[in-house]
Amino acid sequence: MSKHSETTFNANASAETASANIDRLVRWADDFPVQGVRFADLTPVFADADGLSTVIEALAVAGAGADLVAGIDARGFLLGAGVALALGSGVLAVRKAGKLPPPVVSQRYELEYGSAQLEIPESIDLIGRRILVVDDVLATGGTIAATATLLRARGAQVVGAAVVLEISELDGRSRCDGYPLTSLKTV
């Protein structure tokens, strides 16, 4: 078996194991944070050592070649830091508005239940950096798309995006273009 075939096999096995742990541990909360939204609470996955490590390992496969991981506020911070360690790269915290001291660079975006703004420090040079964007859930795609727009505006190359859970009925994948998108579990 060639090295590439082994890597593909291991990547598939890693994703399958992570998906099984997600199924086993995720907690669903109806009508949260607002009426009509079904929230996927991944904190039980993160609190389980096997669940967390298999998720980190599977997300890291999507980041091969990245030299920086952008973790989106807030659960993406947990995942992004783990993926960055697995890849031997740095991590960039993509924050909600008002959480960083100026100067910052920001990007406004729409959510399925409102709008928000993301920020990164202006002082971090992203020109030519190869960045993997990491978040917990892909819903409408607004957060990941805004992050990619923000990073590209600063001269970075978005090499991919990776999420733990994708809610297919909200079609967020359609907003994530120009880079591969990996989801460990689609519901």
N, C-alpha and C. Protein backbone atom coordinates (compact mmCIF):
# COMPACT_ATOMS: atom_id res chain seq x y z
N MET A 1 0.85 -1.17 0.00
CA MET A 1 0.00 0.00 0.00
C MET A 1 0.89 1.23 0.00
N SER A 2 0.58 2.23 -0.84
CA SER A 2 1.38 3.45 -0.91
C SER A 2 1.14 4.31 0.33
N LYS A 3 2.08 5.23 0.59
CA LYS A 3 1.93 6.13 1.73
C LYS A 3 0.65 6.95 1.61
N HIS A 4 0.33 7.43 0.39
CA HIS A 4 -0.89 8.22 0.18
C HIS A 4 -2.12 7.39 0.52
N SER A 5 -2.17 6.15 0.11
CA SER A 5 -3.32 5.30 0.40
C SER A 5 -3.48 5.09 1.90
N GLU A 6 -2.34 4.89 2.61
CA GLU A 6 -2.41 4.74 4.06
C GLU A 6 -2.94 6.00 4.72
N THR A 7 -2.50 7.17 4.26
CA THR A 7 -2.94 8.44 4.81
C THR A 7 -4.44 8.61 4.59
N THR A 8 -4.92 8.29 3.40
CA THR A 8 -6.35 8.40 3.11
C THR A 8 -7.14 7.45 4.00
N PHE A 9 -6.65 6.22 4.14
CA PHE A 9 -7.33 5.25 4.99
C PHE A 9 -7.38 5.74 6.43
N ASN A 10 -6.23 6.22 6.94
CA ASN A 10 -6.19 6.71 8.32
C ASN A 10 -7.09 7.93 8.50
N ALA A 11 -7.14 8.82 7.50
CA ALA A 11 -8.00 9.99 7.58
C ALA A 11 -9.46 9.57 7.63
N ASN A 12 -9.84 8.60 6.82
CA ASN A 12 -11.23 8.13 6.83
C ASN A 12 -11.56 7.47 8.16
N ALA A 13 -10.65 6.65 8.67
CA ALA A 13 -10.88 5.99 9.95
C ALA A 13 -10.99 7.02 11.06
N SER A 14 -10.15 8.04 11.02
CA SER A 14 -10.18 9.11 12.01
C SER A 14 -11.52 9.84 12.00
N ALA A 15 -12.00 10.18 10.80
CA ALA A 15 -13.28 10.88 10.67
C ALA A 15 -14.43 10.00 11.15
N GLU A 16 -14.38 8.71 10.85
CA GLU A 16 -15.44 7.79 11.29
C GLU A 16 -15.48 7.67 12.81
N THR A 17 -14.32 7.57 13.42
CA THR A 17 -14.25 7.48 14.88
C THR A 17 -14.75 8.77 15.52
N ALA A 18 -14.34 9.91 14.98
CA ALA A 18 -14.81 11.19 15.49
C ALA A 18 -16.33 11.30 15.35
N SER A 19 -16.86 10.91 14.20
CA SER A 19 -18.30 10.97 13.96
C SER A 19 -19.07 10.10 14.97
N ALA A 20 -18.55 8.92 15.25
CA ALA A 20 -19.20 8.05 16.24
C ALA A 20 -19.20 8.69 17.62
N ASN A 21 -18.09 9.34 17.98
CA ASN A 21 -18.04 10.03 19.28
C ASN A 21 -18.99 11.22 19.32
N ILE A 22 -19.12 11.92 18.21
CA ILE A 22 -20.07 13.04 18.14
C ILE A 22 -21.49 12.52 18.36
N ASP A 23 -21.85 11.46 17.64
CA ASP A 23 -23.18 10.85 17.80
C ASP A 23 -23.45 10.47 19.25
N ARG A 24 -22.45 9.91 19.89
CA ARG A 24 -22.58 9.40 21.24
C ARG A 24 -22.71 10.53 22.28
N LEU A 25 -22.08 11.67 22.00
CA LEU A 25 -21.94 12.68 23.05
C LEU A 25 -22.67 14.00 22.84
N VAL A 26 -23.02 14.36 21.62
CA VAL A 26 -23.65 15.66 21.39
C VAL A 26 -24.99 15.74 22.12
N ARG A 27 -25.31 16.93 22.62
CA ARG A 27 -26.59 17.18 23.30
C ARG A 27 -27.34 18.23 22.49
N TRP A 28 -28.59 17.94 22.16
CA TRP A 28 -29.40 18.86 21.36
C TRP A 28 -30.30 19.68 22.27
N ALA A 29 -30.40 20.99 22.00
CA ALA A 29 -31.26 21.89 22.79
C ALA A 29 -32.20 22.62 21.81
N ASP A 30 -33.46 22.28 21.87
CA ASP A 30 -34.46 22.92 21.01
C ASP A 30 -34.78 24.32 21.51
N ASP A 31 -35.08 25.21 20.52
CA ASP A 31 -35.47 26.60 20.81
C ASP A 31 -34.40 27.37 21.59
N PHE A 32 -33.15 27.13 21.24
CA PHE A 32 -32.03 27.85 21.85
C PHE A 32 -31.05 28.24 20.76
N PRO A 33 -30.57 29.47 20.71
CA PRO A 33 -30.77 30.58 21.64
C PRO A 33 -32.08 31.34 21.44
N VAL A 34 -32.79 31.05 20.36
CA VAL A 34 -34.10 31.66 20.12
C VAL A 34 -35.06 30.59 19.63
N GLN A 35 -36.34 30.91 19.69
CA GLN A 35 -37.40 30.00 19.25
C GLN A 35 -37.13 29.54 17.81
N GLY A 36 -37.26 28.24 17.57
CA GLY A 36 -37.11 27.69 16.23
C GLY A 36 -35.71 27.23 15.87
N VAL A 37 -34.72 27.55 16.70
CA VAL A 37 -33.35 27.11 16.45
C VAL A 37 -33.06 25.88 17.30
N ARG A 38 -32.46 24.88 16.67
CA ARG A 38 -32.04 23.67 17.40
C ARG A 38 -30.53 23.73 17.55
N PHE A 39 -30.08 23.89 18.77
CA PHE A 39 -28.67 24.11 19.09
C PHE A 39 -27.97 22.79 19.36
N ALA A 40 -26.82 22.60 18.72
CA ALA A 40 -25.99 21.42 18.98
C ALA A 40 -24.97 21.78 20.04
N ASP A 41 -25.13 21.24 21.22
CA ASP A 41 -24.20 21.49 22.32
C ASP A 41 -23.09 20.45 22.24
N LEU A 42 -21.91 20.91 21.86
CA LEU A 42 -20.76 20.01 21.72
C LEU A 42 -19.91 19.94 22.98
N THR A 43 -20.28 20.66 24.05
CA THR A 43 -19.45 20.63 25.25
C THR A 43 -19.28 19.22 25.82
N PRO A 44 -20.29 18.32 25.73
CA PRO A 44 -20.02 16.95 26.19
C PRO A 44 -18.96 16.23 25.34
N VAL A 45 -18.87 16.57 24.07
CA VAL A 45 -17.83 15.99 23.21
C VAL A 45 -16.46 16.49 23.67
N PHE A 46 -16.36 17.78 23.95
CA PHE A 46 -15.10 18.38 24.36
C PHE A 46 -14.67 17.90 25.75
N ALA A 47 -15.64 17.60 26.62
CA ALA A 47 -15.35 17.18 27.98
C ALA A 47 -14.92 15.72 28.07
N ASP A 48 -15.10 14.98 27.00
CA ASP A 48 -14.73 13.57 26.94
C ASP A 48 -13.36 13.45 26.26
N ALA A 49 -12.39 12.88 26.94
CA ALA A 49 -11.01 12.83 26.42
C ALA A 49 -10.95 12.16 25.05
N ASP A 50 -11.62 11.03 24.89
CA ASP A 50 -11.61 10.34 23.60
C ASP A 50 -12.36 11.14 22.55
N GLY A 51 -13.48 11.72 22.93
CA GLY A 51 -14.25 12.54 21.99
C GLY A 51 -13.43 13.72 21.49
N LEU A 52 -12.81 14.45 22.40
CA LEU A 52 -12.02 15.62 22.02
C LEU A 52 -10.82 15.22 21.16
N SER A 53 -10.10 14.19 21.56
CA SER A 53 -8.90 13.85 20.80
C SER A 53 -9.22 13.34 19.41
N THR A 54 -10.30 12.58 19.25
CA THR A 54 -10.64 12.09 17.90
C THR A 54 -11.12 13.22 17.01
N VAL A 55 -11.84 14.18 17.58
CA VAL A 55 -12.30 15.34 16.82
C VAL A 55 -11.10 16.18 16.37
N ILE A 56 -10.19 16.46 17.28
CA ILE A 56 -8.99 17.25 16.95
C ILE A 56 -8.19 16.55 15.86
N GLU A 57 -7.97 15.27 16.01
CA GLU A 57 -7.20 14.49 15.03
C GLU A 57 -7.86 14.56 13.65
N ALA A 58 -9.16 14.38 13.60
CA ALA A 58 -9.87 14.39 12.31
C ALA A 58 -9.88 15.79 11.69
N LEU A 59 -10.03 16.83 12.49
CA LEU A 59 -9.98 18.19 11.96
C LEU A 59 -8.59 18.53 11.44
N ALA A 60 -7.56 18.05 12.12
CA ALA A 60 -6.18 18.33 11.71
C ALA A 60 -5.88 17.75 10.33
N VAL A 61 -6.49 16.64 9.98
CA VAL A 61 -6.29 16.05 8.65
C VAL A 61 -6.66 17.06 7.57
N ALA A 62 -7.70 17.85 7.81
CA ALA A 62 -8.15 18.85 6.84
C ALA A 62 -7.17 20.00 6.70
N GLY A 63 -6.26 20.15 7.65
CA GLY A 63 -5.35 21.29 7.66
C GLY A 63 -3.96 21.00 7.16
N ALA A 64 -3.76 19.87 6.52
CA ALA A 64 -2.41 19.55 6.02
C ALA A 64 -1.91 20.71 5.16
N GLY A 65 -0.73 21.19 5.47
CA GLY A 65 -0.14 22.30 4.71
C GLY A 65 -0.43 23.67 5.26
N ALA A 66 -1.31 23.77 6.25
CA ALA A 66 -1.61 25.08 6.85
C ALA A 66 -0.49 25.47 7.80
N ASP A 67 -0.15 26.77 7.82
CA ASP A 67 0.85 27.23 8.78
C ASP A 67 0.23 28.07 9.89
N LEU A 68 -1.10 28.21 9.84
CA LEU A 68 -1.83 28.92 10.89
C LEU A 68 -3.25 28.39 10.91
N VAL A 69 -3.82 28.26 12.10
CA VAL A 69 -5.21 27.84 12.26
C VAL A 69 -5.99 29.01 12.84
N ALA A 70 -7.10 29.36 12.20
CA ALA A 70 -7.98 30.42 12.69
C ALA A 70 -9.17 29.78 13.38
N GLY A 71 -9.23 29.90 14.70
CA GLY A 71 -10.34 29.37 15.49
C GLY A 71 -11.35 30.47 15.73
N ILE A 72 -12.61 30.19 15.41
CA ILE A 72 -13.67 31.19 15.50
C ILE A 72 -14.30 31.19 16.89
N ASP A 73 -14.50 32.39 17.44
CA ASP A 73 -15.08 32.63 18.75
C ASP A 73 -16.41 31.88 18.90
N ALA A 74 -16.60 31.12 19.91
CA ALA A 74 -15.73 30.80 21.02
C ALA A 74 -15.32 29.34 20.99
N ARG A 75 -16.22 28.44 20.61
CA ARG A 75 -15.86 27.02 20.63
C ARG A 75 -14.77 26.69 19.63
N GLY A 76 -14.66 27.50 18.57
CA GLY A 76 -13.58 27.32 17.61
C GLY A 76 -12.21 27.58 18.21
N PHE A 77 -12.16 28.34 19.33
CA PHE A 77 -10.88 28.55 20.02
C PHE A 77 -10.35 27.23 20.56
N LEU A 78 -11.25 26.48 21.22
CA LEU A 78 -10.86 25.19 21.80
C LEU A 78 -10.34 24.26 20.71
N LEU A 79 -11.12 24.16 19.65
CA LEU A 79 -10.75 23.28 18.54
C LEU A 79 -9.51 23.78 17.82
N GLY A 80 -9.47 25.07 17.53
CA GLY A 80 -8.35 25.64 16.79
C GLY A 80 -7.03 25.45 17.49
N ALA A 81 -7.01 25.62 18.80
CA ALA A 81 -5.77 25.44 19.56
C ALA A 81 -5.30 23.99 19.47
N GLY A 82 -6.22 23.05 19.61
CA GLY A 82 -5.86 21.64 19.51
C GLY A 82 -5.35 21.27 18.12
N VAL A 83 -6.04 21.76 17.10
CA VAL A 83 -5.64 21.49 15.73
C VAL A 83 -4.27 22.11 15.45
N ALA A 84 -4.05 23.32 15.92
CA ALA A 84 -2.75 23.99 15.72
C ALA A 84 -1.63 23.17 16.36
N LEU A 85 -1.85 22.67 17.56
CA LEU A 85 -0.83 21.83 18.20
C LEU A 85 -0.58 20.56 17.38
N ALA A 86 -1.65 19.95 16.88
CA ALA A 86 -1.51 18.74 16.08
C ALA A 86 -0.74 19.00 14.78
N LEU A 87 -0.92 20.20 14.22
CA LEU A 87 -0.26 20.55 12.96
C LEU A 87 1.12 21.18 13.16
N GLY A 88 1.44 21.55 14.39
CA GLY A 88 2.70 22.24 14.65
C GLY A 88 2.68 23.66 14.13
N SER A 89 1.51 24.29 14.20
CA SER A 89 1.35 25.66 13.71
C SER A 89 0.90 26.57 14.85
N GLY A 90 0.71 27.85 14.51
CA GLY A 90 0.14 28.79 15.45
C GLY A 90 -1.37 28.81 15.32
N VAL A 91 -2.01 29.55 16.23
CA VAL A 91 -3.46 29.69 16.20
C VAL A 91 -3.81 31.17 16.28
N LEU A 92 -4.80 31.58 15.53
CA LEU A 92 -5.31 32.94 15.52
C LEU A 92 -6.75 32.90 16.03
N ALA A 93 -7.02 33.63 17.10
CA ALA A 93 -8.38 33.71 17.64
C ALA A 93 -9.16 34.76 16.85
N VAL A 94 -10.21 34.34 16.17
CA VAL A 94 -11.10 35.25 15.46
C VAL A 94 -12.21 35.58 16.45
N ARG A 95 -12.24 36.85 16.90
CA ARG A 95 -13.08 37.25 18.02
C ARG A 95 -14.36 37.94 17.59
N LYS A 96 -15.36 37.88 18.47
CA LYS A 96 -16.57 38.67 18.30
C LYS A 96 -16.20 40.13 18.57
N ALA A 97 -16.99 41.04 18.02
CA ALA A 97 -16.71 42.47 18.14
C ALA A 97 -16.60 42.91 19.59
N GLY A 98 -15.64 43.82 19.83
CA GLY A 98 -15.49 44.42 21.14
C GLY A 98 -14.66 43.63 22.13
N LYS A 99 -14.09 42.51 21.73
CA LYS A 99 -13.31 41.67 22.64
C LYS A 99 -11.82 41.90 22.55
N LEU A 100 -11.36 42.62 21.52
CA LEU A 100 -9.94 42.89 21.32
C LEU A 100 -9.67 44.39 21.44
N PRO A 101 -8.50 44.76 21.96
CA PRO A 101 -8.15 46.18 21.97
C PRO A 101 -7.81 46.64 20.56
N PRO A 102 -8.08 47.90 20.23
CA PRO A 102 -7.74 48.40 18.90
C PRO A 102 -6.22 48.49 18.73
N PRO A 103 -5.75 48.50 17.51
CA PRO A 103 -6.52 48.48 16.26
C PRO A 103 -6.87 47.05 15.83
N VAL A 104 -8.05 46.90 15.27
CA VAL A 104 -8.53 45.62 14.77
C VAL A 104 -9.02 45.78 13.33
N VAL A 105 -9.15 44.65 12.66
CA VAL A 105 -9.76 44.59 11.35
C VAL A 105 -11.03 43.78 11.54
N SER A 106 -12.15 44.23 10.97
CA SER A 106 -13.42 43.56 11.24
C SER A 106 -14.19 43.22 9.97
N GLN A 107 -15.14 42.30 10.15
CA GLN A 107 -16.01 41.85 9.06
C GLN A 107 -17.39 41.58 9.65
N ARG A 108 -18.42 42.23 9.10
CA ARG A 108 -19.81 42.03 9.53
C ARG A 108 -20.40 40.86 8.74
N TYR A 109 -21.33 40.11 9.37
CA TYR A 109 -21.97 38.96 8.71
C TYR A 109 -23.34 38.69 9.31
N GLU A 110 -24.13 37.92 8.59
CA GLU A 110 -25.49 37.57 9.02
C GLU A 110 -25.51 36.15 9.59
N LEU A 111 -26.26 35.98 10.66
CA LEU A 111 -26.51 34.68 11.28
C LEU A 111 -27.93 34.24 10.96
N GLU A 112 -28.24 33.00 11.29
CA GLU A 112 -29.61 32.53 11.07
C GLU A 112 -30.60 33.23 11.99
N TYR A 113 -30.11 33.90 13.05
CA TYR A 113 -30.99 34.59 13.99
C TYR A 113 -30.50 36.00 14.32
N GLY A 114 -29.86 36.68 13.37
CA GLY A 114 -29.41 38.06 13.58
C GLY A 114 -28.15 38.36 12.80
N SER A 115 -27.39 39.35 13.26
CA SER A 115 -26.13 39.69 12.61
C SER A 115 -25.06 39.86 13.68
N ALA A 116 -23.81 39.82 13.24
CA ALA A 116 -22.68 39.94 14.16
C ALA A 116 -21.47 40.47 13.41
N GLN A 117 -20.38 40.62 14.13
CA GLN A 117 -19.15 41.12 13.53
C GLN A 117 -17.98 40.35 14.14
N LEU A 118 -16.99 40.03 13.30
CA LEU A 118 -15.78 39.34 13.74
C LEU A 118 -14.59 40.28 13.63
N GLU A 119 -13.60 40.07 14.49
CA GLU A 119 -12.41 40.92 14.48
C GLU A 119 -11.15 40.08 14.70
N ILE A 120 -10.06 40.59 14.14
CA ILE A 120 -8.73 40.07 14.41
C ILE A 120 -7.80 41.25 14.65
N PRO A 121 -6.69 41.04 15.36
CA PRO A 121 -5.76 42.14 15.57
C PRO A 121 -5.13 42.59 14.25
N GLU A 122 -5.06 43.87 14.05
CA GLU A 122 -4.44 44.42 12.85
C GLU A 122 -2.94 44.12 12.83
N SER A 123 -2.34 43.95 13.99
CA SER A 123 -0.88 43.80 14.12
C SER A 123 -0.33 42.46 13.63
N ILE A 124 -1.18 41.46 13.44
CA ILE A 124 -0.70 40.15 13.00
C ILE A 124 -0.63 40.12 11.48
N ASP A 125 0.58 39.90 10.96
CA ASP A 125 0.80 39.87 9.52
C ASP A 125 0.32 38.54 8.94
N LEU A 126 -0.66 38.61 8.07
CA LEU A 126 -1.23 37.40 7.47
C LEU A 126 -0.85 37.25 6.00
N ILE A 127 -0.11 38.18 5.45
CA ILE A 127 0.23 38.13 4.03
C ILE A 127 0.97 36.84 3.71
N GLY A 128 0.40 36.07 2.78
CA GLY A 128 1.00 34.82 2.33
C GLY A 128 0.80 33.64 3.26
N ARG A 129 0.16 33.84 4.40
CA ARG A 129 -0.05 32.73 5.34
C ARG A 129 -1.09 31.78 4.78
N ARG A 130 -0.89 30.50 5.00
CA ARG A 130 -1.82 29.43 4.58
C ARG A 130 -2.64 29.04 5.82
N ILE A 131 -3.92 29.38 5.78
CA ILE A 131 -4.74 29.29 7.00
C ILE A 131 -5.89 28.29 6.84
N LEU A 132 -6.04 27.46 7.88
CA LEU A 132 -7.20 26.58 8.02
C LEU A 132 -8.16 27.26 8.99
N VAL A 133 -9.42 27.42 8.60
CA VAL A 133 -10.45 28.01 9.46
C VAL A 133 -11.17 26.87 10.17
N VAL A 134 -11.31 26.98 11.50
CA VAL A 134 -11.93 25.92 12.30
C VAL A 134 -13.06 26.50 13.13
N ASP A 135 -14.19 25.79 13.12
CA ASP A 135 -15.33 26.16 13.98
C ASP A 135 -16.05 24.90 14.40
N ASP A 136 -17.00 25.05 15.31
CA ASP A 136 -17.72 23.89 15.82
C ASP A 136 -18.84 23.46 14.89
N VAL A 137 -19.72 24.40 14.49
CA VAL A 137 -20.91 24.07 13.70
C VAL A 137 -21.00 24.95 12.46
N LEU A 138 -21.33 24.34 11.35
CA LEU A 138 -21.66 25.08 10.12
C LEU A 138 -23.17 25.08 10.00
N ALA A 139 -23.77 26.26 10.13
CA ALA A 139 -25.22 26.41 9.98
C ALA A 139 -25.48 27.12 8.65
N THR A 140 -25.63 28.43 8.68
CA THR A 140 -25.90 29.17 7.44
C THR A 140 -24.63 29.48 6.66
N GLY A 141 -23.47 29.31 7.28
CA GLY A 141 -22.20 29.56 6.62
C GLY A 141 -21.70 30.98 6.77
N GLY A 142 -22.46 31.84 7.40
CA GLY A 142 -22.07 33.24 7.51
C GLY A 142 -20.79 33.47 8.28
N THR A 143 -20.60 32.75 9.37
CA THR A 143 -19.42 32.96 10.21
C THR A 143 -18.15 32.53 9.49
N ILE A 144 -18.18 31.36 8.88
CA ILE A 144 -16.99 30.89 8.16
C ILE A 144 -16.72 31.76 6.94
N ALA A 145 -17.75 32.11 6.20
CA ALA A 145 -17.57 32.97 5.02
C ALA A 145 -17.00 34.33 5.42
N ALA A 146 -17.50 34.90 6.51
CA ALA A 146 -16.97 36.19 6.98
C ALA A 146 -15.52 36.07 7.42
N THR A 147 -15.19 34.98 8.08
CA THR A 147 -13.81 34.76 8.50
C THR A 147 -12.89 34.64 7.29
N ALA A 148 -13.31 33.87 6.30
CA ALA A 148 -12.50 33.72 5.08
C ALA A 148 -12.32 35.07 4.38
N THR A 149 -13.38 35.86 4.30
CA THR A 149 -13.29 37.19 3.68
C THR A 149 -12.32 38.07 4.45
N LEU A 150 -12.41 38.06 5.77
CA LEU A 150 -11.53 38.85 6.62
C LEU A 150 -10.06 38.44 6.43
N LEU A 151 -9.80 37.15 6.44
CA LEU A 151 -8.42 36.66 6.29
C LEU A 151 -7.85 36.97 4.91
N ARG A 152 -8.66 36.78 3.88
CA ARG A 152 -8.21 37.08 2.51
C ARG A 152 -7.93 38.57 2.34
N ALA A 153 -8.75 39.40 2.97
CA ALA A 153 -8.54 40.85 2.88
C ALA A 153 -7.20 41.26 3.49
N ARG A 154 -6.69 40.46 4.39
CA ARG A 154 -5.40 40.71 5.03
C ARG A 154 -4.25 39.99 4.31
N GLY A 155 -4.53 39.38 3.14
CA GLY A 155 -3.48 38.78 2.33
C GLY A 155 -3.23 37.31 2.57
N ALA A 156 -4.07 36.65 3.35
CA ALA A 156 -3.90 35.23 3.63
C ALA A 156 -4.54 34.37 2.54
N GLN A 157 -4.09 33.13 2.47
CA GLN A 157 -4.71 32.13 1.61
C GLN A 157 -5.46 31.16 2.52
N VAL A 158 -6.77 31.06 2.33
CA VAL A 158 -7.57 30.12 3.10
C VAL A 158 -7.46 28.77 2.40
N VAL A 159 -6.78 27.81 3.05
CA VAL A 159 -6.54 26.50 2.43
C VAL A 159 -7.66 25.52 2.72
N GLY A 160 -8.55 25.88 3.63
CA GLY A 160 -9.67 25.02 3.94
C GLY A 160 -10.40 25.51 5.16
N ALA A 161 -11.56 24.90 5.37
CA ALA A 161 -12.34 25.13 6.58
C ALA A 161 -12.76 23.77 7.09
N ALA A 162 -12.84 23.64 8.40
CA ALA A 162 -13.21 22.36 9.01
C ALA A 162 -14.13 22.62 10.19
N VAL A 163 -15.20 21.83 10.26
CA VAL A 163 -16.17 21.95 11.35
C VAL A 163 -16.48 20.56 11.91
N VAL A 164 -16.96 20.55 13.12
CA VAL A 164 -17.36 19.29 13.75
C VAL A 164 -18.70 18.84 13.19
N LEU A 165 -19.65 19.76 13.09
CA LEU A 165 -21.02 19.41 12.73
C LEU A 165 -21.55 20.36 11.67
N GLU A 166 -22.19 19.80 10.65
CA GLU A 166 -22.80 20.60 9.59
C GLU A 166 -24.30 20.34 9.57
N ILE A 167 -25.08 21.41 9.61
CA ILE A 167 -26.55 21.29 9.55
C ILE A 167 -26.94 21.51 8.09
N SER A 168 -27.16 20.42 7.37
CA SER A 168 -27.31 20.47 5.92
C SER A 168 -28.53 21.27 5.45
N GLU A 169 -29.61 21.24 6.19
CA GLU A 169 -30.83 21.92 5.73
C GLU A 169 -30.67 23.44 5.66
N LEU A 170 -29.67 23.99 6.34
CA LEU A 170 -29.43 25.44 6.30
C LEU A 170 -28.51 25.84 5.15
N ASP A 171 -27.94 24.86 4.44
CA ASP A 171 -27.15 25.06 3.22
C ASP A 171 -25.97 26.03 3.38
N GLY A 172 -25.33 26.02 4.54
CA GLY A 172 -24.18 26.88 4.78
C GLY A 172 -23.01 26.58 3.86
N ARG A 173 -22.90 25.35 3.42
CA ARG A 173 -21.81 24.93 2.53
C ARG A 173 -21.79 25.79 1.26
N SER A 174 -22.95 26.22 0.79
CA SER A 174 -23.01 26.99 -0.45
C SER A 174 -22.33 28.36 -0.31
N ARG A 175 -22.16 28.84 0.91
CA ARG A 175 -21.50 30.15 1.13
C ARG A 175 -20.00 30.02 1.31
N CYS A 176 -19.52 28.79 1.41
CA CYS A 176 -18.10 28.54 1.67
C CYS A 176 -17.44 28.11 0.36
N ASP A 177 -17.04 29.10 -0.42
CA ASP A 177 -16.48 28.76 -1.73
C ASP A 177 -15.02 29.20 -1.85
N GLY A 178 -14.31 28.52 -2.72
CA GLY A 178 -12.92 28.86 -2.97
C GLY A 178 -11.94 28.08 -2.08
N TYR A 179 -12.44 27.17 -1.27
CA TYR A 179 -11.60 26.35 -0.40
C TYR A 179 -12.38 25.10 -0.04
N PRO A 180 -11.66 24.00 0.24
CA PRO A 180 -12.37 22.79 0.66
C PRO A 180 -12.98 22.95 2.05
N LEU A 181 -14.12 22.34 2.25
CA LEU A 181 -14.81 22.36 3.53
C LEU A 181 -14.96 20.93 4.02
N THR A 182 -14.49 20.68 5.22
CA THR A 182 -14.59 19.36 5.85
C THR A 182 -15.54 19.44 7.03
N SER A 183 -16.53 18.55 7.07
CA SER A 183 -17.37 18.44 8.26
C SER A 183 -17.28 16.99 8.74
N LEU A 184 -17.14 16.81 10.05
CA LEU A 184 -16.99 15.47 10.58
C LEU A 184 -18.32 14.76 10.69
N LYS A 185 -19.39 15.51 10.81
CA LYS A 185 -20.73 14.93 10.92
C LYS A 185 -21.73 15.87 10.27
N THR A 186 -22.59 15.33 9.42
CA THR A 186 -23.65 16.13 8.78
C THR A 186 -24.99 15.62 9.28
N VAL A 187 -25.83 16.57 9.70
CA VAL A 187 -27.18 16.21 10.16
C VAL A 187 -28.20 17.00 9.35
